[in-house]
Amino acid sequence: MLTEHPINILVVEDDPLANQLICRQLQLEGHQVVGRAFDGSQALEMTKRLKPDIVLMDLQMREASGHTDMQAGTKATQLIQEQCPTPVIILTAHENPTLISKAKTVGAGAYLIKPPKIQEIERAAAIAMARFKDMMELRHLNEKLREEIALRQQAEKDIKHMATHDALTGLPNRWLLSDRFKVEMAHAKRNRQLLGIMLLDLDHFKDVNDTLGHNTGDKLLQITGKRLTNLLRKSDTTVRMGGDEFIILLPEMTQAEDAVEAAQKILATIRKPFIISSIEIQITTSIGITLCPTDGEDLETLMKNVDIAMYHAKEQGRDNYQYFSR
């Protein structure tokens, strides 16, 4: 015996006499023949069930119709490597470089010319199993590397998202607002449109925190963010600035009245009761509106203007909107 230990072998050979002869040779040398298969489908089923150390696979096998499939062993080898990876040695009566090359491409570790001598089988088995071990280790390392790359990419994506989005509501934050403003401002100039900016401040939000607790206040902010996102257009950007303030960018406006329609919808949706932990909460919002380029063309100026407009809405009794006016 050339191998260090006896090998558990599955023999796949469509000729019953040749199959029996190979099995007898292996058994005389102390190896264990775990099964005998006579076609590719049997080879796959028995490899899954019996888990041999190695498969001796006939390259060309007759089908039930009597036709000889020149690549039956190649097909079976490919299925074995895909479904239950196991070392495979190809047995062939004729040294056909093209067919042998295809078999190796799909996972065959070695090939032998029939009838094989026992010493050749043992040498080929040792080589095929060593190559298979190396291949599986490499595959494992590649899978581990892919997992690490995927984790790193996801971590980078998460970090980027955390840097540009509010942790509580998941909405864009003030850092992303600056980028979105530049894009929408350029778009508005190109198309000679208006860009609306609205600042929302929830009225008496501090009372919610003081009487019902900050957890309830946080949930109210989260629901508010979802209501605004669901209400507005996909092209609009809803930003949480911090506290109970939200900024909304309204691109593609053709007239100032477009912002009025959006503001009226927002006022109505915020007035709807918030049900949090079985408690009904009524709240309103004050909205300031400024227009670009009418009231300014840089974000800093427009933010000052919309803040003035929002406080003007507060002074007017809250639960209303006001335009910036000089």
C-alpha atoms as a PDB file:
ATOM      1  CA  MET A   1       0.000   0.000   0.000  1.00  0.00           C
ATOM      2  CA  LEU A   2       1.533   3.297  -1.149  1.00  0.00           C
ATOM      3  CA  THR A   3      -0.855   5.461   0.853  1.00  0.00           C
ATOM      4  CA  GLU A   4      -0.358   6.021   4.573  1.00  0.00           C
ATOM      5  CA  HIS A   5      -3.867   4.839   5.436  1.00  0.00           C
ATOM      6  CA  PRO A   6      -6.547   2.774   3.660  1.00  0.00           C
ATOM      7  CA  ILE A   7      -8.758   4.910   1.412  1.00  0.00           C
ATOM      8  CA  ASN A   8     -12.566   4.862   1.269  1.00  0.00           C
ATOM      9  CA  ILE A   9     -13.305   4.793  -2.449  1.00  0.00           C
ATOM     10  CA  LEU A  10     -16.402   5.036  -4.635  1.00  0.00           C
ATOM     11  CA  VAL A  11     -15.913   3.292  -7.990  1.00  0.00           C
ATOM     12  CA  VAL A  12     -17.900   4.664 -10.958  1.00  0.00           C
ATOM     13  CA  GLU A  13     -17.576   2.476 -14.069  1.00  0.00           C
ATOM     14  CA  ASP A  14     -20.374   1.549 -16.477  1.00  0.00           C
ATOM     15  CA  ASP A  15     -18.824  -1.810 -17.418  1.00  0.00           C
ATOM     16  CA  PRO A  16     -19.807  -4.214 -14.594  1.00  0.00           C
ATOM     17  CA  LEU A  17     -16.805  -6.497 -15.168  1.00  0.00           C
ATOM     18  CA  ALA A  18     -14.296  -3.615 -15.186  1.00  0.00           C
ATOM     19  CA  ASN A  19     -16.024  -2.127 -12.144  1.00  0.00           C
ATOM     20  CA  GLN A  20     -15.715  -5.401 -10.264  1.00  0.00           C
ATOM     21  CA  LEU A  21     -12.066  -5.832 -11.247  1.00  0.00           C
ATOM     22  CA  ILE A  22     -11.098  -2.367  -9.953  1.00  0.00           C
ATOM     23  CA  CYS A  23     -12.965  -2.975  -6.708  1.00  0.00           C
ATOM     24  CA  ARG A  24     -11.232  -6.317  -6.201  1.00  0.00           C
ATOM     25  CA  GLN A  25      -7.783  -4.759  -6.749  1.00  0.00           C
ATOM     26  CA  LEU A  26      -8.507  -2.019  -4.211  1.00  0.00           C
ATOM     27  CA  GLN A  27      -9.848  -4.439  -1.617  1.00  0.00           C
ATOM     28  CA  LEU A  28      -6.836  -6.746  -1.975  1.00  0.00           C
ATOM     29  CA  GLU A  29      -4.602  -3.777  -1.111  1.00  0.00           C
ATOM     30  CA  GLY A  30      -6.639  -3.067   2.019  1.00  0.00           C
ATOM     31  CA  HIS A  31      -8.702  -0.168   0.738  1.00  0.00           C
ATOM     32  CA  GLN A  32     -12.431   0.158   1.453  1.00  0.00           C
ATOM     33  CA  VAL A  33     -14.789   0.241  -1.530  1.00  0.00           C
ATOM     34  CA  VAL A  34     -17.760   2.113  -0.079  1.00  0.00           C
ATOM     35  CA  GLY A  35     -19.887   1.726  -3.192  1.00  0.00           C
ATOM     36  CA  ARG A  36     -20.148   0.857  -6.870  1.00  0.00           C
ATOM     37  CA  ALA A  37     -21.916   3.181  -9.315  1.00  0.00           C
ATOM     38  CA  PHE A  38     -22.575   2.636 -13.005  1.00  0.00           C
ATOM     39  CA  ASP A  39     -23.607   6.105 -14.211  1.00  0.00           C
ATOM     40  CA  GLY A  40     -23.302   9.781 -13.314  1.00  0.00           C
ATOM     41  CA  SER A  41     -26.569  10.109 -11.397  1.00  0.00           C
ATOM     42  CA  GLN A  42     -25.690   7.135  -9.196  1.00  0.00           C
ATOM     43  CA  ALA A  43     -22.232   8.635  -8.635  1.00  0.00           C
ATOM     44  CA  LEU A  44     -23.691  11.926  -7.381  1.00  0.00           C
ATOM     45  CA  GLU A  45     -26.265  10.261  -5.126  1.00  0.00           C
ATOM     46  CA  MET A  46     -23.756   7.834  -3.602  1.00  0.00           C
ATOM     47  CA  THR A  47     -21.102  10.531  -3.094  1.00  0.00           C
ATOM     48  CA  LYS A  48     -23.626  12.596  -1.133  1.00  0.00           C
ATOM     49  CA  ARG A  49     -24.754   9.618   0.929  1.00  0.00           C
ATOM     50  CA  LEU A  50     -21.535   7.652   1.460  1.00  0.00           C
ATOM     51  CA  LYS A  51     -19.002  10.536   1.636  1.00  0.00           C
ATOM     52  CA  PRO A  52     -15.993   8.652   0.193  1.00  0.00           C
ATOM     53  CA  ASP A  53     -12.417   9.908   0.471  1.00  0.00           C
ATOM     54  CA  ILE A  54     -12.165   9.813  -3.304  1.00  0.00           C
ATOM     55  CA  VAL A  55     -14.192   8.910  -6.417  1.00  0.00           C
ATOM     56  CA  LEU A  56     -12.784   6.881  -9.335  1.00  0.00           C
ATOM     57  CA  MET A  57     -14.869   8.219 -12.227  1.00  0.00           C
ATOM     58  CA  ASP A  58     -15.167   6.685 -15.698  1.00  0.00           C
ATOM     59  CA  LEU A  59     -14.952   9.507 -18.255  1.00  0.00           C
ATOM     60  CA  GLN A  60     -17.227   7.951 -20.882  1.00  0.00           C
ATOM     61  CA  MET A  61     -20.363   6.055 -19.819  1.00  0.00           C
ATOM     62  CA  ARG A  62     -23.361   4.572 -21.581  1.00  0.00           C
ATOM     63  CA  GLU A  63     -26.737   6.144 -21.035  1.00  0.00           C
ATOM     64  CA  ALA A  64     -29.956   4.141 -20.534  1.00  0.00           C
ATOM     65  CA  SER A  65     -30.660   4.614 -24.263  1.00  0.00           C
ATOM     66  CA  GLY A  66     -27.450   2.755 -25.079  1.00  0.00           C
ATOM     67  CA  HIS A  67     -25.733   5.900 -26.386  1.00  0.00           C
ATOM     68  CA  THR A  68     -22.237   6.595 -24.997  1.00  0.00           C
ATOM     69  CA  ASP A  69     -21.870  10.012 -23.430  1.00  0.00           C
ATOM     70  CA  MET A  70     -18.276  11.113 -24.010  1.00  0.00           C
ATOM     71  CA  GLN A  71     -18.458  13.632 -21.140  1.00  0.00           C
ATOM     72  CA  ALA A  72     -20.600  11.744 -18.618  1.00  0.00           C
ATOM     73  CA  GLY A  73     -17.760  11.673 -16.092  1.00  0.00           C
ATOM     74  CA  THR A  74     -17.042  15.381 -16.587  1.00  0.00           C
ATOM     75  CA  LYS A  75     -20.688  16.274 -15.960  1.00  0.00           C
ATOM     76  CA  ALA A  76     -20.865  14.091 -12.857  1.00  0.00           C
ATOM     77  CA  THR A  77     -17.589  15.539 -11.552  1.00  0.00           C
ATOM     78  CA  GLN A  78     -18.913  19.070 -11.933  1.00  0.00           C
ATOM     79  CA  LEU A  79     -22.120  18.222 -10.053  1.00  0.00           C
ATOM     80  CA  ILE A  80     -20.137  16.534  -7.278  1.00  0.00           C
ATOM     81  CA  GLN A  81     -17.869  19.579  -6.851  1.00  0.00           C
ATOM     82  CA  GLU A  82     -20.901  21.886  -6.771  1.00  0.00           C
ATOM     83  CA  GLN A  83     -23.053  19.834  -4.391  1.00  0.00           C
ATOM     84  CA  CYS A  84     -20.707  17.671  -2.276  1.00  0.00           C
ATOM     85  CA  PRO A  85     -17.061  18.546  -3.000  1.00  0.00           C
ATOM     86  CA  THR A  86     -14.933  15.357  -3.130  1.00  0.00           C
ATOM     87  CA  PRO A  87     -11.617  14.458  -4.838  1.00  0.00           C
ATOM     88  CA  VAL A  88     -12.173  12.785  -8.230  1.00  0.00           C
ATOM     89  CA  ILE A  89      -9.835  10.720 -10.409  1.00  0.00           C
ATOM     90  CA  ILE A  90     -10.906  10.329 -14.038  1.00  0.00           C
ATOM     91  CA  LEU A  91     -10.545   6.912 -15.708  1.00  0.00           C
ATOM     92  CA  THR A  92     -10.366   6.892 -19.495  1.00  0.00           C
ATOM     93  CA  ALA A  93      -9.670   4.254 -22.100  1.00  0.00           C
ATOM     94  CA  HIS A  94      -8.221   6.831 -24.540  1.00  0.00           C
ATOM     95  CA  GLU A  95      -6.004   9.798 -23.714  1.00  0.00           C
ATOM     96  CA  ASN A  96      -8.095  12.594 -25.212  1.00  0.00           C
ATOM     97  CA  PRO A  97      -6.420  15.890 -24.144  1.00  0.00           C
ATOM     98  CA  THR A  98      -9.535  17.986 -24.795  1.00  0.00           C
ATOM     99  CA  LEU A  99     -11.869  15.796 -22.743  1.00  0.00           C
ATOM    100  CA  ILE A 100      -9.329  15.361 -19.952  1.00  0.00           C
ATOM    101  CA  SER A 101      -8.722  19.126 -19.832  1.00  0.00           C
ATOM    102  CA  LYS A 102     -12.466  19.766 -19.484  1.00  0.00           C
ATOM    103  CA  ALA A 103     -12.666  17.227 -16.658  1.00  0.00           C
ATOM    104  CA  LYS A 104      -9.815  18.934 -14.811  1.00  0.00           C
ATOM    105  CA  THR A 105     -11.422  22.317 -15.337  1.00  0.00           C
ATOM    106  CA  VAL A 106     -14.556  21.248 -13.425  1.00  0.00           C
ATOM    107  CA  GLY A 107     -12.595  19.702 -10.559  1.00  0.00           C
ATOM    108  CA  ALA A 108     -10.987  16.365 -11.447  1.00  0.00           C
ATOM    109  CA  GLY A 109      -7.696  16.075  -9.541  1.00  0.00           C
ATOM    110  CA  ALA A 110      -5.992  13.498 -11.780  1.00  0.00           C
ATOM    111  CA  TYR A 111      -6.619  11.031 -14.591  1.00  0.00           C
ATOM    112  CA  LEU A 112      -5.561   7.429 -15.347  1.00  0.00           C
ATOM    113  CA  ILE A 113      -5.584   5.314 -18.507  1.00  0.00           C
ATOM    114  CA  LYS A 114      -7.622   2.101 -18.159  1.00  0.00           C
ATOM    115  CA  PRO A 115      -7.019  -0.491 -16.974  1.00  0.00           C
ATOM    116  CA  PRO A 116      -5.228   1.257 -14.077  1.00  0.00           C
ATOM    117  CA  LYS A 117      -2.692  -0.525 -11.903  1.00  0.00           C
ATOM    118  CA  ILE A 118      -3.255  -0.387  -8.156  1.00  0.00           C
ATOM    119  CA  GLN A 119      -0.004   1.539  -7.632  1.00  0.00           C
ATOM    120  CA  GLU A 120      -1.141   4.145 -10.177  1.00  0.00           C
ATOM    121  CA  ILE A 121      -4.494   4.488  -8.429  1.00  0.00           C
ATOM    122  CA  GLU A 122      -2.799   4.968  -5.058  1.00  0.00           C
ATOM    123  CA  ARG A 123      -0.339   7.551  -6.405  1.00  0.00           C
ATOM    124  CA  ALA A 124      -3.085   9.433  -8.237  1.00  0.00           C
ATOM    125  CA  ALA A 125      -5.302   9.282  -5.145  1.00  0.00           C
ATOM    126  CA  ALA A 126      -2.573  10.758  -2.967  1.00  0.00           C
ATOM    127  CA  ILE A 127      -2.012  13.563  -5.482  1.00  0.00           C
ATOM    128  CA  ALA A 128      -5.731  14.221  -6.007  1.00  0.00           C
ATOM    129  CA  MET A 129      -6.482  14.322  -2.277  1.00  0.00           C
ATOM    130  CA  ALA A 130      -3.540  16.662  -1.608  1.00  0.00           C
ATOM    131  CA  ARG A 131      -4.674  18.991  -4.421  1.00  0.00           C
ATOM    132  CA  PHE A 132      -8.232  18.805  -3.146  1.00  0.00           C
ATOM    133  CA  LYS A 133      -7.117  19.716   0.373  1.00  0.00           C
ATOM    134  CA  ASP A 134      -5.171  22.698  -0.960  1.00  0.00           C
ATOM    135  CA  MET A 135      -8.113  23.723  -3.118  1.00  0.00           C
ATOM    136  CA  MET A 136     -10.570  23.572  -0.194  1.00  0.00           C
ATOM    137  CA  GLU A 137      -8.201  25.568   2.013  1.00  0.00           C
ATOM    138  CA  LEU A 138      -7.840  28.164  -0.731  1.00  0.00           C
ATOM    139  CA  ARG A 139     -11.608  28.239  -1.204  1.00  0.00           C
ATOM    140  CA  HIS A 140     -12.070  28.728   2.537  1.00  0.00           C
ATOM    141  CA  LEU A 141      -9.519  31.549   2.566  1.00  0.00           C
ATOM    142  CA  ASN A 142     -11.226  33.180  -0.431  1.00  0.00           C
ATOM    143  CA  GLU A 143     -14.619  32.931   1.252  1.00  0.00           C
ATOM    144  CA  LYS A 144     -13.173  34.395   4.451  1.00  0.00           C
ATOM    145  CA  LEU A 145     -11.564  37.199   2.452  1.00  0.00           C
ATOM    146  CA  ARG A 146     -14.847  37.930   0.652  1.00  0.00           C
ATOM    147  CA  GLU A 147     -16.646  38.026   4.000  1.00  0.00           C
ATOM    148  CA  GLU A 148     -14.052  40.408   5.429  1.00  0.00           C
ATOM    149  CA  ILE A 149     -14.297  42.649   2.366  1.00  0.00           C
ATOM    150  CA  ALA A 150     -18.106  42.636   2.595  1.00  0.00           C
ATOM    151  CA  LEU A 151     -17.948  43.473   6.308  1.00  0.00           C
ATOM    152  CA  ARG A 152     -15.469  46.284   5.661  1.00  0.00           C
ATOM    153  CA  GLN A 153     -17.605  47.686   2.837  1.00  0.00           C
ATOM    154  CA  GLN A 154     -20.693  47.520   5.042  1.00  0.00           C
ATOM    155  CA  ALA A 155     -18.802  49.207   7.900  1.00  0.00           C
ATOM    156  CA  GLU A 156     -17.678  51.997   5.559  1.00  0.00           C
ATOM    157  CA  LYS A 157     -21.244  52.355   4.305  1.00  0.00           C
ATOM    158  CA  ASP A 158     -22.548  52.480   7.892  1.00  0.00           C
ATOM    159  CA  ILE A 159     -19.961  55.077   8.890  1.00  0.00           C
ATOM    160  CA  LYS A 160     -20.840  57.224   5.881  1.00  0.00           C
ATOM    161  CA  HIS A 161     -24.538  56.893   6.676  1.00  0.00           C
ATOM    162  CA  MET A 162     -23.938  57.809  10.331  1.00  0.00           C
ATOM    163  CA  ALA A 163     -21.976  60.880   9.263  1.00  0.00           C
ATOM    164  CA  THR A 164     -24.729  62.134   6.961  1.00  0.00           C
ATOM    165  CA  HIS A 165     -27.920  60.998   8.714  1.00  0.00           C
ATOM    166  CA  ASP A 166     -29.631  61.685  12.003  1.00  0.00           C
ATOM    167  CA  ALA A 167     -29.238  58.779  14.429  1.00  0.00           C
ATOM    168  CA  LEU A 168     -32.754  59.132  15.884  1.00  0.00           C
ATOM    169  CA  THR A 169     -34.933  59.562  12.796  1.00  0.00           C
ATOM    170  CA  GLY A 170     -32.690  58.218  10.025  1.00  0.00           C
ATOM    171  CA  LEU A 171     -33.283  61.445   8.077  1.00  0.00           C
ATOM    172  CA  PRO A 172     -30.468  63.378   6.374  1.00  0.00           C
ATOM    173  CA  ASN A 173     -28.644  65.705   8.774  1.00  0.00           C
ATOM    174  CA  ARG A 174     -27.215  69.223   8.384  1.00  0.00           C
ATOM    175  CA  TRP A 175     -24.048  67.877   6.726  1.00  0.00           C
ATOM    176  CA  LEU A 176     -25.997  66.183   3.951  1.00  0.00           C
ATOM    177  CA  LEU A 177     -28.225  69.266   3.674  1.00  0.00           C
ATOM    178  CA  SER A 178     -25.251  71.275   2.403  1.00  0.00           C
ATOM    179  CA  ASP A 179     -24.568  68.776  -0.398  1.00  0.00           C
ATOM    180  CA  ARG A 180     -28.227  68.464  -1.378  1.00  0.00           C
ATOM    181  CA  PHE A 181     -28.584  72.264  -1.438  1.00  0.00           C
ATOM    182  CA  LYS A 182     -25.647  72.644  -3.863  1.00  0.00           C
ATOM    183  CA  VAL A 183     -27.141  70.046  -6.218  1.00  0.00           C
ATOM    184  CA  GLU A 184     -30.663  71.483  -6.100  1.00  0.00           C
ATOM    185  CA  MET A 185     -29.401  75.072  -6.389  1.00  0.00           C
ATOM    186  CA  ALA A 186     -27.474  74.228  -9.567  1.00  0.00           C
ATOM    187  CA  HIS A 187     -30.519  72.406 -10.950  1.00  0.00           C
ATOM    188  CA  ALA A 188     -32.798  75.369 -10.196  1.00  0.00           C
ATOM    189  CA  LYS A 189     -30.439  77.803 -11.927  1.00  0.00           C
ATOM    190  CA  ARG A 190     -30.153  75.594 -15.018  1.00  0.00           C
ATOM    191  CA  ASN A 191     -33.916  75.288 -15.339  1.00  0.00           C
ATOM    192  CA  ARG A 192     -34.769  78.809 -14.121  1.00  0.00           C
ATOM    193  CA  GLN A 193     -36.844  77.430 -11.283  1.00  0.00           C
ATOM    194  CA  LEU A 194     -37.276  78.298  -7.613  1.00  0.00           C
ATOM    195  CA  LEU A 195     -35.856  76.295  -4.730  1.00  0.00           C
ATOM    196  CA  GLY A 196     -37.982  76.463  -1.605  1.00  0.00           C
ATOM    197  CA  ILE A 197     -36.612  76.018   1.899  1.00  0.00           C
ATOM    198  CA  MET A 198     -38.919  75.433   4.863  1.00  0.00           C
ATOM    199  CA  LEU A 199     -38.029  75.341   8.560  1.00  0.00           C
ATOM    200  CA  LEU A 200     -40.444  73.473  10.855  1.00  0.00           C
ATOM    201  CA  ASP A 201     -40.383  73.837  14.616  1.00  0.00           C
ATOM    202  CA  LEU A 202     -42.809  71.729  16.674  1.00  0.00           C
ATOM    203  CA  ASP A 203     -44.887  73.952  18.959  1.00  0.00           C
ATOM    204  CA  HIS A 204     -44.535  73.358  22.723  1.00  0.00           C
ATOM    205  CA  PHE A 205     -42.426  70.244  22.128  1.00  0.00           C
ATOM    206  CA  LYS A 206     -40.612  70.910  25.409  1.00  0.00           C
ATOM    207  CA  ASP A 207     -43.886  70.270  27.242  1.00  0.00           C
ATOM    208  CA  VAL A 208     -44.001  66.751  25.767  1.00  0.00           C
ATOM    209  CA  ASN A 209     -40.509  65.994  27.071  1.00  0.00           C
ATOM    210  CA  ASP A 210     -41.222  67.542  30.472  1.00  0.00           C
ATOM    211  CA  THR A 211     -44.552  65.787  31.067  1.00  0.00           C
ATOM    212  CA  LEU A 212     -44.215  62.467  29.200  1.00  0.00           C
ATOM    213  CA  GLY A 213     -40.454  61.942  29.164  1.00  0.00           C
ATOM    214  CA  HIS A 214     -37.712  62.060  26.555  1.00  0.00           C
ATOM    215  CA  ASN A 215     -38.471  58.550  25.251  1.00  0.00           C
ATOM    216  CA  THR A 216     -41.944  59.680  24.255  1.00  0.00           C
ATOM    217  CA  GLY A 217     -40.480  62.865  22.786  1.00  0.00           C
ATOM    218  CA  ASP A 218     -38.015  60.811  20.713  1.00  0.00           C
ATOM    219  CA  LYS A 219     -40.800  58.581  19.387  1.00  0.00           C
ATOM    220  CA  LEU A 220     -42.822  61.670  18.455  1.00  0.00           C
ATOM    221  CA  LEU A 221     -39.851  63.005  16.466  1.00  0.00           C
ATOM    222  CA  GLN A 222     -39.446  59.660  14.714  1.00  0.00           C
ATOM    223  CA  ILE A 223     -43.119  59.558  13.732  1.00  0.00           C
ATOM    224  CA  THR A 224     -42.944  63.180  12.581  1.00  0.00           C
ATOM    225  CA  GLY A 225     -40.006  62.323  10.318  1.00  0.00           C
ATOM    226  CA  LYS A 226     -41.936  59.412   8.798  1.00  0.00           C
ATOM    227  CA  ARG A 227     -45.041  61.550   8.274  1.00  0.00           C
ATOM    228  CA  LEU A 228     -43.062  64.229   6.471  1.00  0.00           C
ATOM    229  CA  THR A 229     -41.218  61.690   4.294  1.00  0.00           C
ATOM    230  CA  ASN A 230     -44.464  59.935   3.322  1.00  0.00           C
ATOM    231  CA  LEU A 231     -46.241  63.246   2.666  1.00  0.00           C
ATOM    232  CA  LEU A 232     -43.717  64.974   0.447  1.00  0.00           C
ATOM    233  CA  ARG A 233     -42.429  64.189  -3.033  1.00  0.00           C
ATOM    234  CA  LYS A 234     -39.492  61.846  -3.617  1.00  0.00           C
ATOM    235  CA  SER A 235     -37.534  64.802  -5.001  1.00  0.00           C
ATOM    236  CA  ASP A 236     -37.979  66.750  -1.733  1.00  0.00           C
ATOM    237  CA  THR A 237     -35.411  66.413   1.059  1.00  0.00           C
ATOM    238  CA  THR A 238     -36.451  66.270   4.719  1.00  0.00           C
ATOM    239  CA  VAL A 239     -33.630  67.041   7.166  1.00  0.00           C
ATOM    240  CA  ARG A 240     -33.583  66.875  10.945  1.00  0.00           C
ATOM    241  CA  MET A 241     -31.516  69.801  12.174  1.00  0.00           C
ATOM    242  CA  GLY A 242     -31.556  68.727  15.813  1.00  0.00           C
ATOM    243  CA  GLY A 243     -33.998  69.172  18.664  1.00  0.00           C
ATOM    244  CA  ASP A 244     -37.498  69.577  17.244  1.00  0.00           C
ATOM    245  CA  GLU A 245     -36.496  71.388  14.048  1.00  0.00           C
ATOM    246  CA  PHE A 246     -36.772  70.025  10.518  1.00  0.00           C
ATOM    247  CA  ILE A 247     -35.631  71.572   7.238  1.00  0.00           C
ATOM    248  CA  ILE A 248     -37.335  70.716   3.941  1.00  0.00           C
ATOM    249  CA  LEU A 249     -35.871  71.434   0.504  1.00  0.00           C
ATOM    250  CA  LEU A 250     -38.520  71.872  -2.189  1.00  0.00           C
ATOM    251  CA  PRO A 251     -36.877  71.700  -5.652  1.00  0.00           C
ATOM    252  CA  GLU A 252     -38.471  72.208  -9.076  1.00  0.00           C
ATOM    253  CA  MET A 253     -40.822  75.002  -7.937  1.00  0.00           C
ATOM    254  CA  THR A 254     -42.254  77.142 -10.735  1.00  0.00           C
ATOM    255  CA  GLN A 255     -44.042  79.617  -8.442  1.00  0.00           C
ATOM    256  CA  ALA A 256     -44.007  80.676  -4.782  1.00  0.00           C
ATOM    257  CA  GLU A 257     -47.487  79.225  -4.251  1.00  0.00           C
ATOM    258  CA  ASP A 258     -46.035  75.706  -4.619  1.00  0.00           C
ATOM    259  CA  ALA A 259     -44.489  76.101  -1.163  1.00  0.00           C
ATOM    260  CA  VAL A 260     -47.851  77.211   0.258  1.00  0.00           C
ATOM    261  CA  GLU A 261     -49.495  73.964  -0.865  1.00  0.00           C
ATOM    262  CA  ALA A 262     -46.724  71.923   0.771  1.00  0.00           C
ATOM    263  CA  ALA A 263     -46.910  73.982   3.997  1.00  0.00           C
ATOM    264  CA  GLN A 264     -50.681  73.516   4.269  1.00  0.00           C
ATOM    265  CA  LYS A 265     -50.302  69.738   3.886  1.00  0.00           C
ATOM    266  CA  ILE A 266     -47.605  69.689   6.571  1.00  0.00           C
ATOM    267  CA  LEU A 267     -49.675  71.696   9.034  1.00  0.00           C
ATOM    268  CA  ALA A 268     -52.590  69.300   8.500  1.00  0.00           C
ATOM    269  CA  THR A 269     -50.530  66.125   8.941  1.00  0.00           C
ATOM    270  CA  ILE A 270     -48.850  67.378  12.139  1.00  0.00           C
ATOM    271  CA  ARG A 271     -52.246  68.283  13.636  1.00  0.00           C
ATOM    272  CA  LYS A 272     -53.323  64.648  13.415  1.00  0.00           C
ATOM    273  CA  PRO A 273     -53.085  62.960  16.845  1.00  0.00           C
ATOM    274  CA  PHE A 274     -49.908  61.027  17.700  1.00  0.00           C
ATOM    275  CA  ILE A 275     -50.631  57.772  19.548  1.00  0.00           C
ATOM    276  CA  ILE A 276     -47.594  56.770  21.583  1.00  0.00           C
ATOM    277  CA  SER A 277     -47.803  54.012  24.243  1.00  0.00           C
ATOM    278  CA  SER A 278     -51.609  54.338  24.182  1.00  0.00           C
ATOM    279  CA  ILE A 279     -51.334  58.074  24.899  1.00  0.00           C
ATOM    280  CA  GLU A 280     -52.869  60.541  22.428  1.00  0.00           C
ATOM    281  CA  ILE A 281     -50.710  63.599  21.859  1.00  0.00           C
ATOM    282  CA  GLN A 282     -51.860  66.744  20.036  1.00  0.00           C
ATOM    283  CA  ILE A 283     -49.180  69.026  18.667  1.00  0.00           C
ATOM    284  CA  THR A 284     -48.770  71.651  15.962  1.00  0.00           C
ATOM    285  CA  THR A 285     -45.876  73.194  14.073  1.00  0.00           C
ATOM    286  CA  SER A 286     -44.731  76.633  12.970  1.00  0.00           C
ATOM    287  CA  ILE A 287     -43.248  76.917   9.479  1.00  0.00           C
ATOM    288  CA  GLY A 288     -40.936  79.499   7.961  1.00  0.00           C
ATOM    289  CA  ILE A 289     -40.492  79.679   4.187  1.00  0.00           C
ATOM    290  CA  THR A 290     -37.764  81.290   2.107  1.00  0.00           C
ATOM    291  CA  LEU A 291     -37.110  81.102  -1.627  1.00  0.00           C
ATOM    292  CA  CYS A 292     -33.923  80.783  -3.625  1.00  0.00           C
ATOM    293  CA  PRO A 293     -32.746  82.815  -5.515  1.00  0.00           C
ATOM    294  CA  THR A 294     -35.372  85.440  -4.536  1.00  0.00           C
ATOM    295  CA  ASP A 295     -34.226  85.728  -0.896  1.00  0.00           C
ATOM    296  CA  GLY A 296     -30.605  84.672  -1.365  1.00  0.00           C
ATOM    297  CA  GLU A 297     -28.323  82.232  -3.163  1.00  0.00           C
ATOM    298  CA  ASP A 298     -26.130  80.824  -0.410  1.00  0.00           C
ATOM    299  CA  LEU A 299     -27.249  78.387   2.269  1.00  0.00           C
ATOM    300  CA  GLU A 300     -26.051  80.480   5.215  1.00  0.00           C
ATOM    301  CA  THR A 301     -28.139  83.489   4.170  1.00  0.00           C
ATOM    302  CA  LEU A 302     -31.182  81.384   3.383  1.00  0.00           C
ATOM    303  CA  MET A 303     -30.968  79.586   6.748  1.00  0.00           C
ATOM    304  CA  LYS A 304     -30.973  82.934   8.556  1.00  0.00           C
ATOM    305  CA  ASN A 305     -33.940  84.081   6.482  1.00  0.00           C
ATOM    306  CA  VAL A 306     -36.006  80.933   7.050  1.00  0.00           C
ATOM    307  CA  ASP A 307     -35.267  81.111  10.785  1.00  0.00           C
ATOM    308  CA  ILE A 308     -36.638  84.682  10.877  1.00  0.00           C
ATOM    309  CA  ALA A 309     -39.736  83.536   8.979  1.00  0.00           C
ATOM    310  CA  MET A 310     -40.310  80.624  11.368  1.00  0.00           C
ATOM    311  CA  TYR A 311     -40.138  82.863  14.449  1.00  0.00           C
ATOM    312  CA  HIS A 312     -42.545  85.224  12.729  1.00  0.00           C
ATOM    313  CA  ALA A 313     -44.954  82.252  12.473  1.00  0.00           C
ATOM    314  CA  LYS A 314     -44.502  81.662  16.225  1.00  0.00           C
ATOM    315  CA  GLU A 315     -45.327  85.310  16.892  1.00  0.00           C
ATOM    316  CA  GLN A 316     -48.451  84.987  14.783  1.00  0.00           C
ATOM    317  CA  GLY A 317     -49.875  82.384  17.170  1.00  0.00           C
ATOM    318  CA  ARG A 318     -48.101  79.197  15.975  1.00  0.00           C
ATOM    319  CA  ASP A 319     -49.683  76.455  13.783  1.00  0.00           C
ATOM    320  CA  ASN A 320     -49.178  78.549  10.636  1.00  0.00           C
ATOM    321  CA  TYR A 321     -46.601  79.359   7.966  1.00  0.00           C
ATOM    322  CA  GLN A 322     -44.923  82.646   7.126  1.00  0.00           C
ATOM    323  CA  TYR A 323     -42.738  83.755   4.216  1.00  0.00           C
ATOM    324  CA  PHE A 324     -39.487  85.586   4.823  1.00  0.00           C
ATOM    325  CA  SER A 325     -39.867  89.293   4.220  1.00  0.00           C
ATOM    326  CA  ARG A 326     -37.160  91.929   4.427  1.00  0.00           C
END
